[in-house]
Amino acid sequence: MIHALIFDPSSLEPEIGGPAPDRLISGNPQFRTWNFEEADGGIYAGIWEATPGKWRIVYEEWEYFHILSGYSVVTEEGGAETHLKAGYSMILRPGFKGTWEVIETTRKDYVIRV
């Protein structure tokens, strides 16, 4: 068993997707996800990328992420905007509701606990 893992997007094909149509606010955002790890206990880790657009988000899971490139704005329902650029990190906790707007194609690495 290998006990270390490198996130190398060239090592696997990304999953292609986008926000659910009922959550879309503007644009035509497209997602690419390289899910490198699915561990016991509902842990996922990988890289996610999205093209410009805006959609509603609702988190039932816990997620830590680090922005690798691009520019996005995450806004909590009834709260302030958080502007995210390369180098920024954030945790979204279960119960978070709001919007995600990609201004410039954004790539992040993530760890999710369901």
N, C-alpha and C. Protein backbone atom coordinates (compact mmCIF):
# COMPACT_ATOMS: atom_id res chain seq x y z
N MET A 1 0.83 -1.18 0.00
CA MET A 1 0.00 0.00 0.00
C MET A 1 0.88 1.25 0.00
N ILE A 2 0.52 2.20 -0.83
CA ILE A 2 1.23 3.48 -0.88
C ILE A 2 0.65 4.39 0.20
N HIS A 3 1.52 5.04 0.95
CA HIS A 3 1.07 5.89 2.06
C HIS A 3 1.24 7.37 1.78
N ALA A 4 1.56 7.74 0.55
CA ALA A 4 1.68 9.15 0.17
C ALA A 4 1.04 9.31 -1.20
N LEU A 5 0.47 10.47 -1.44
CA LEU A 5 -0.24 10.70 -2.69
C LEU A 5 0.05 12.11 -3.18
N ILE A 6 0.44 12.22 -4.44
CA ILE A 6 0.68 13.52 -5.07
C ILE A 6 -0.53 13.86 -5.93
N PHE A 7 -1.00 15.08 -5.86
CA PHE A 7 -2.12 15.54 -6.70
C PHE A 7 -1.55 15.91 -8.06
N ASP A 8 -1.66 15.02 -9.02
CA ASP A 8 -1.16 15.25 -10.36
C ASP A 8 -2.32 15.12 -11.35
N PRO A 9 -2.90 16.25 -11.79
CA PRO A 9 -4.05 16.20 -12.70
C PRO A 9 -3.79 15.45 -14.00
N SER A 10 -2.53 15.32 -14.40
CA SER A 10 -2.25 14.59 -15.64
C SER A 10 -2.34 13.07 -15.43
N SER A 11 -2.51 12.64 -14.17
CA SER A 11 -2.53 11.21 -13.89
C SER A 11 -3.91 10.57 -14.01
N LEU A 12 -4.97 11.38 -14.14
CA LEU A 12 -6.30 10.82 -14.33
C LEU A 12 -7.21 11.81 -15.03
N GLU A 13 -8.25 11.29 -15.64
CA GLU A 13 -9.21 12.13 -16.36
C GLU A 13 -10.13 12.82 -15.35
N PRO A 14 -10.42 14.10 -15.56
CA PRO A 14 -11.32 14.79 -14.63
C PRO A 14 -12.77 14.39 -14.86
N GLU A 15 -13.55 14.50 -13.80
CA GLU A 15 -15.00 14.40 -13.92
C GLU A 15 -15.47 15.76 -14.40
N ILE A 16 -16.42 15.79 -15.33
CA ILE A 16 -16.93 17.03 -15.90
C ILE A 16 -18.33 17.26 -15.34
N GLY A 17 -18.63 18.51 -14.99
CA GLY A 17 -19.96 18.80 -14.45
C GLY A 17 -20.22 20.29 -14.43
N GLY A 18 -21.20 20.65 -13.62
CA GLY A 18 -21.59 22.04 -13.44
C GLY A 18 -22.63 22.11 -12.35
N PRO A 19 -23.04 23.31 -11.99
CA PRO A 19 -24.06 23.44 -10.95
C PRO A 19 -25.40 22.89 -11.44
N ALA A 20 -26.21 22.43 -10.51
CA ALA A 20 -27.56 21.98 -10.85
C ALA A 20 -28.32 23.16 -11.47
N PRO A 21 -29.11 22.90 -12.50
CA PRO A 21 -29.82 23.99 -13.19
C PRO A 21 -30.65 24.88 -12.26
N ASP A 22 -31.23 24.31 -11.20
CA ASP A 22 -32.06 25.11 -10.29
C ASP A 22 -31.22 25.98 -9.35
N ARG A 23 -29.90 25.80 -9.35
CA ARG A 23 -29.01 26.63 -8.52
C ARG A 23 -28.27 27.69 -9.33
N LEU A 24 -28.32 27.59 -10.64
CA LEU A 24 -27.59 28.51 -11.51
C LEU A 24 -28.21 29.91 -11.45
N ILE A 25 -27.37 30.92 -11.26
CA ILE A 25 -27.80 32.32 -11.23
C ILE A 25 -27.40 33.02 -12.50
N SER A 26 -26.15 32.82 -12.95
CA SER A 26 -25.71 33.47 -14.18
C SER A 26 -24.55 32.71 -14.81
N GLY A 27 -24.36 32.93 -16.11
CA GLY A 27 -23.26 32.31 -16.84
C GLY A 27 -23.54 30.86 -17.17
N ASN A 28 -22.48 30.19 -17.60
CA ASN A 28 -22.54 28.77 -17.94
C ASN A 28 -21.30 28.09 -17.37
N PRO A 29 -21.16 28.09 -16.03
CA PRO A 29 -19.94 27.54 -15.44
C PRO A 29 -19.81 26.04 -15.69
N GLN A 30 -18.59 25.63 -16.00
CA GLN A 30 -18.26 24.22 -16.20
C GLN A 30 -17.23 23.82 -15.15
N PHE A 31 -17.43 22.64 -14.56
CA PHE A 31 -16.53 22.14 -13.53
C PHE A 31 -15.68 21.00 -14.08
N ARG A 32 -14.44 20.94 -13.60
CA ARG A 32 -13.59 19.77 -13.79
C ARG A 32 -13.08 19.39 -12.40
N THR A 33 -13.22 18.10 -12.05
CA THR A 33 -12.83 17.63 -10.73
C THR A 33 -11.93 16.41 -10.86
N TRP A 34 -10.77 16.50 -10.23
CA TRP A 34 -9.85 15.38 -10.14
C TRP A 34 -9.91 14.90 -8.69
N ASN A 35 -10.66 13.85 -8.41
CA ASN A 35 -10.80 13.34 -7.05
C ASN A 35 -9.75 12.25 -6.84
N PHE A 36 -8.69 12.60 -6.12
CA PHE A 36 -7.56 11.70 -5.95
C PHE A 36 -7.73 10.74 -4.79
N GLU A 37 -8.56 11.08 -3.83
CA GLU A 37 -8.67 10.26 -2.61
C GLU A 37 -10.11 10.14 -2.18
N GLU A 38 -10.51 8.90 -1.89
CA GLU A 38 -11.79 8.61 -1.24
C GLU A 38 -11.45 7.66 -0.11
N ALA A 39 -11.35 8.18 1.10
CA ALA A 39 -10.91 7.40 2.25
C ALA A 39 -12.09 7.03 3.14
N ASP A 40 -11.86 6.02 3.96
CA ASP A 40 -12.89 5.63 4.93
C ASP A 40 -13.29 6.82 5.78
N GLY A 41 -14.54 6.85 6.17
CA GLY A 41 -15.04 7.94 7.00
C GLY A 41 -15.57 9.10 6.19
N GLY A 42 -15.75 8.93 4.87
CA GLY A 42 -16.31 9.99 4.04
C GLY A 42 -15.35 11.14 3.78
N ILE A 43 -14.06 10.83 3.60
CA ILE A 43 -13.04 11.84 3.32
C ILE A 43 -12.73 11.82 1.82
N TYR A 44 -12.73 12.99 1.21
CA TYR A 44 -12.40 13.15 -0.21
C TYR A 44 -11.36 14.24 -0.33
N ALA A 45 -10.44 14.09 -1.30
CA ALA A 45 -9.43 15.11 -1.53
C ALA A 45 -9.09 15.14 -3.02
N GLY A 46 -8.87 16.35 -3.52
CA GLY A 46 -8.54 16.47 -4.93
C GLY A 46 -8.41 17.90 -5.37
N ILE A 47 -8.62 18.11 -6.67
CA ILE A 47 -8.54 19.44 -7.28
C ILE A 47 -9.84 19.68 -8.02
N TRP A 48 -10.36 20.89 -7.91
CA TRP A 48 -11.60 21.30 -8.58
C TRP A 48 -11.32 22.60 -9.33
N GLU A 49 -11.93 22.71 -10.50
CA GLU A 49 -11.77 23.91 -11.32
C GLU A 49 -13.12 24.29 -11.89
N ALA A 50 -13.38 25.60 -11.95
CA ALA A 50 -14.65 26.10 -12.51
C ALA A 50 -14.39 27.31 -13.38
N THR A 51 -15.17 27.40 -14.47
CA THR A 51 -15.14 28.56 -15.35
C THR A 51 -16.14 29.59 -14.84
N PRO A 52 -16.10 30.83 -15.36
CA PRO A 52 -16.95 31.90 -14.82
C PRO A 52 -18.45 31.60 -14.84
N GLY A 53 -19.09 32.09 -13.78
CA GLY A 53 -20.52 31.98 -13.58
C GLY A 53 -20.83 32.13 -12.10
N LYS A 54 -22.12 32.08 -11.77
CA LYS A 54 -22.54 32.25 -10.38
C LYS A 54 -23.68 31.28 -10.09
N TRP A 55 -23.63 30.66 -8.90
CA TRP A 55 -24.65 29.70 -8.51
C TRP A 55 -24.80 29.68 -6.98
N ARG A 56 -25.95 29.17 -6.54
CA ARG A 56 -26.22 29.03 -5.11
C ARG A 56 -25.52 27.77 -4.60
N ILE A 57 -24.97 27.86 -3.39
CA ILE A 57 -24.33 26.71 -2.75
C ILE A 57 -24.98 26.44 -1.40
N VAL A 58 -25.08 25.16 -1.06
CA VAL A 58 -25.58 24.71 0.23
C VAL A 58 -24.66 23.57 0.67
N TYR A 59 -24.00 23.74 1.81
CA TYR A 59 -23.04 22.75 2.28
C TYR A 59 -23.64 21.90 3.39
N GLU A 60 -23.67 20.60 3.17
CA GLU A 60 -24.02 19.65 4.22
C GLU A 60 -22.75 18.98 4.74
N GLU A 61 -21.64 19.18 4.03
CA GLU A 61 -20.36 18.60 4.38
C GLU A 61 -19.42 19.70 4.90
N TRP A 62 -18.28 19.28 5.44
CA TRP A 62 -17.23 20.18 5.88
C TRP A 62 -16.17 20.18 4.78
N GLU A 63 -15.69 21.37 4.39
CA GLU A 63 -14.67 21.44 3.34
C GLU A 63 -13.62 22.48 3.67
N TYR A 64 -12.36 22.06 3.53
CA TYR A 64 -11.22 22.97 3.54
C TYR A 64 -10.74 23.05 2.10
N PHE A 65 -10.43 24.28 1.63
CA PHE A 65 -9.83 24.40 0.31
C PHE A 65 -8.80 25.51 0.28
N HIS A 66 -7.94 25.42 -0.74
CA HIS A 66 -6.88 26.39 -0.96
C HIS A 66 -6.94 26.78 -2.43
N ILE A 67 -7.04 28.07 -2.71
CA ILE A 67 -7.13 28.54 -4.09
C ILE A 67 -5.75 28.49 -4.74
N LEU A 68 -5.67 27.76 -5.85
CA LEU A 68 -4.41 27.62 -6.58
C LEU A 68 -4.26 28.70 -7.65
N SER A 69 -5.39 29.06 -8.28
CA SER A 69 -5.35 30.09 -9.33
C SER A 69 -6.76 30.63 -9.53
N GLY A 70 -6.84 31.82 -10.15
CA GLY A 70 -8.13 32.42 -10.48
C GLY A 70 -8.62 33.39 -9.43
N TYR A 71 -9.90 33.73 -9.57
CA TYR A 71 -10.53 34.71 -8.68
C TYR A 71 -12.01 34.39 -8.57
N SER A 72 -12.46 34.20 -7.33
CA SER A 72 -13.87 33.89 -7.04
C SER A 72 -14.34 34.73 -5.87
N VAL A 73 -15.66 34.84 -5.75
CA VAL A 73 -16.28 35.52 -4.62
C VAL A 73 -17.31 34.57 -4.01
N VAL A 74 -17.12 34.25 -2.72
CA VAL A 74 -18.08 33.43 -1.99
C VAL A 74 -18.81 34.35 -1.03
N THR A 75 -20.14 34.27 -1.06
CA THR A 75 -20.96 35.14 -0.22
C THR A 75 -21.91 34.30 0.61
N GLU A 76 -21.82 34.43 1.93
CA GLU A 76 -22.76 33.72 2.80
C GLU A 76 -24.09 34.44 2.80
N GLU A 77 -25.17 33.68 2.81
CA GLU A 77 -26.51 34.24 2.84
C GLU A 77 -26.61 35.22 4.02
N GLY A 78 -26.93 36.47 3.74
CA GLY A 78 -27.04 37.48 4.78
C GLY A 78 -25.70 37.96 5.31
N GLY A 79 -24.60 37.60 4.65
CA GLY A 79 -23.27 37.97 5.14
C GLY A 79 -22.46 38.72 4.11
N ALA A 80 -21.22 38.90 4.44
CA ALA A 80 -20.31 39.65 3.57
C ALA A 80 -19.71 38.76 2.49
N GLU A 81 -19.22 39.41 1.43
CA GLU A 81 -18.51 38.72 0.36
C GLU A 81 -17.10 38.39 0.83
N THR A 82 -16.62 37.22 0.43
CA THR A 82 -15.23 36.84 0.65
C THR A 82 -14.58 36.70 -0.72
N HIS A 83 -13.59 37.54 -1.00
CA HIS A 83 -12.89 37.52 -2.29
C HIS A 83 -11.72 36.56 -2.17
N LEU A 84 -11.67 35.58 -3.07
CA LEU A 84 -10.68 34.52 -3.01
C LEU A 84 -9.76 34.57 -4.23
N LYS A 85 -8.47 34.65 -3.98
CA LYS A 85 -7.46 34.65 -5.03
C LYS A 85 -6.41 33.60 -4.70
N ALA A 86 -5.51 33.35 -5.63
CA ALA A 86 -4.45 32.36 -5.41
C ALA A 86 -3.75 32.61 -4.07
N GLY A 87 -3.61 31.55 -3.30
CA GLY A 87 -2.96 31.64 -1.99
C GLY A 87 -3.93 31.69 -0.84
N TYR A 88 -5.20 32.01 -1.09
CA TYR A 88 -6.20 32.09 -0.02
C TYR A 88 -6.71 30.69 0.32
N SER A 89 -7.04 30.48 1.59
CA SER A 89 -7.63 29.24 2.07
C SER A 89 -8.90 29.56 2.83
N MET A 90 -9.82 28.57 2.88
CA MET A 90 -11.11 28.80 3.53
C MET A 90 -11.67 27.47 4.00
N ILE A 91 -12.49 27.50 5.03
CA ILE A 91 -13.26 26.35 5.47
C ILE A 91 -14.73 26.73 5.36
N LEU A 92 -15.51 25.85 4.73
CA LEU A 92 -16.97 25.99 4.70
C LEU A 92 -17.53 24.84 5.55
N ARG A 93 -18.34 25.20 6.53
CA ARG A 93 -18.88 24.22 7.47
C ARG A 93 -20.28 23.78 7.08
N PRO A 94 -20.71 22.63 7.58
CA PRO A 94 -22.08 22.20 7.31
C PRO A 94 -23.07 23.28 7.72
N GLY A 95 -24.05 23.52 6.86
CA GLY A 95 -25.06 24.55 7.10
C GLY A 95 -24.78 25.84 6.35
N PHE A 96 -23.58 25.95 5.74
CA PHE A 96 -23.26 27.16 4.97
C PHE A 96 -24.18 27.24 3.76
N LYS A 97 -24.80 28.41 3.58
CA LYS A 97 -25.64 28.69 2.41
C LYS A 97 -25.22 30.03 1.85
N GLY A 98 -25.22 30.12 0.53
CA GLY A 98 -24.85 31.38 -0.09
C GLY A 98 -24.65 31.21 -1.58
N THR A 99 -23.67 31.95 -2.11
CA THR A 99 -23.38 31.87 -3.55
C THR A 99 -21.88 31.75 -3.76
N TRP A 100 -21.55 31.14 -4.90
CA TRP A 100 -20.16 31.08 -5.37
C TRP A 100 -20.17 31.73 -6.74
N GLU A 101 -19.34 32.75 -6.92
CA GLU A 101 -19.21 33.40 -8.22
C GLU A 101 -17.77 33.32 -8.67
N VAL A 102 -17.55 32.70 -9.82
CA VAL A 102 -16.23 32.63 -10.42
C VAL A 102 -16.09 33.81 -11.36
N ILE A 103 -15.16 34.69 -11.06
CA ILE A 103 -14.88 35.86 -11.89
C ILE A 103 -13.86 35.47 -12.97
N GLU A 104 -12.78 34.81 -12.56
CA GLU A 104 -11.76 34.28 -13.46
C GLU A 104 -11.64 32.79 -13.14
N THR A 105 -11.55 31.96 -14.17
CA THR A 105 -11.48 30.51 -13.96
C THR A 105 -10.64 30.21 -12.72
N THR A 106 -11.24 29.45 -11.80
CA THR A 106 -10.66 29.21 -10.49
C THR A 106 -10.34 27.73 -10.31
N ARG A 107 -9.16 27.46 -9.75
CA ARG A 107 -8.76 26.10 -9.42
C ARG A 107 -8.40 26.07 -7.94
N LYS A 108 -8.88 25.04 -7.25
CA LYS A 108 -8.58 24.89 -5.83
C LYS A 108 -8.26 23.43 -5.55
N ASP A 109 -7.48 23.19 -4.50
CA ASP A 109 -7.40 21.84 -3.99
C ASP A 109 -8.29 21.79 -2.74
N TYR A 110 -8.77 20.61 -2.42
CA TYR A 110 -9.77 20.50 -1.36
C TYR A 110 -9.62 19.22 -0.56
N VAL A 111 -10.15 19.28 0.65
CA VAL A 111 -10.38 18.10 1.49
C VAL A 111 -11.79 18.25 2.02
N ILE A 112 -12.61 17.23 1.78
CA ILE A 112 -14.02 17.25 2.20
C ILE A 112 -14.27 16.09 3.15
N ARG A 113 -15.03 16.38 4.20
CA ARG A 113 -15.50 15.33 5.10
C ARG A 113 -17.01 15.37 5.06
N VAL A 114 -17.59 14.26 4.62
CA VAL A 114 -19.05 14.18 4.50
C VAL A 114 -19.65 13.83 5.85
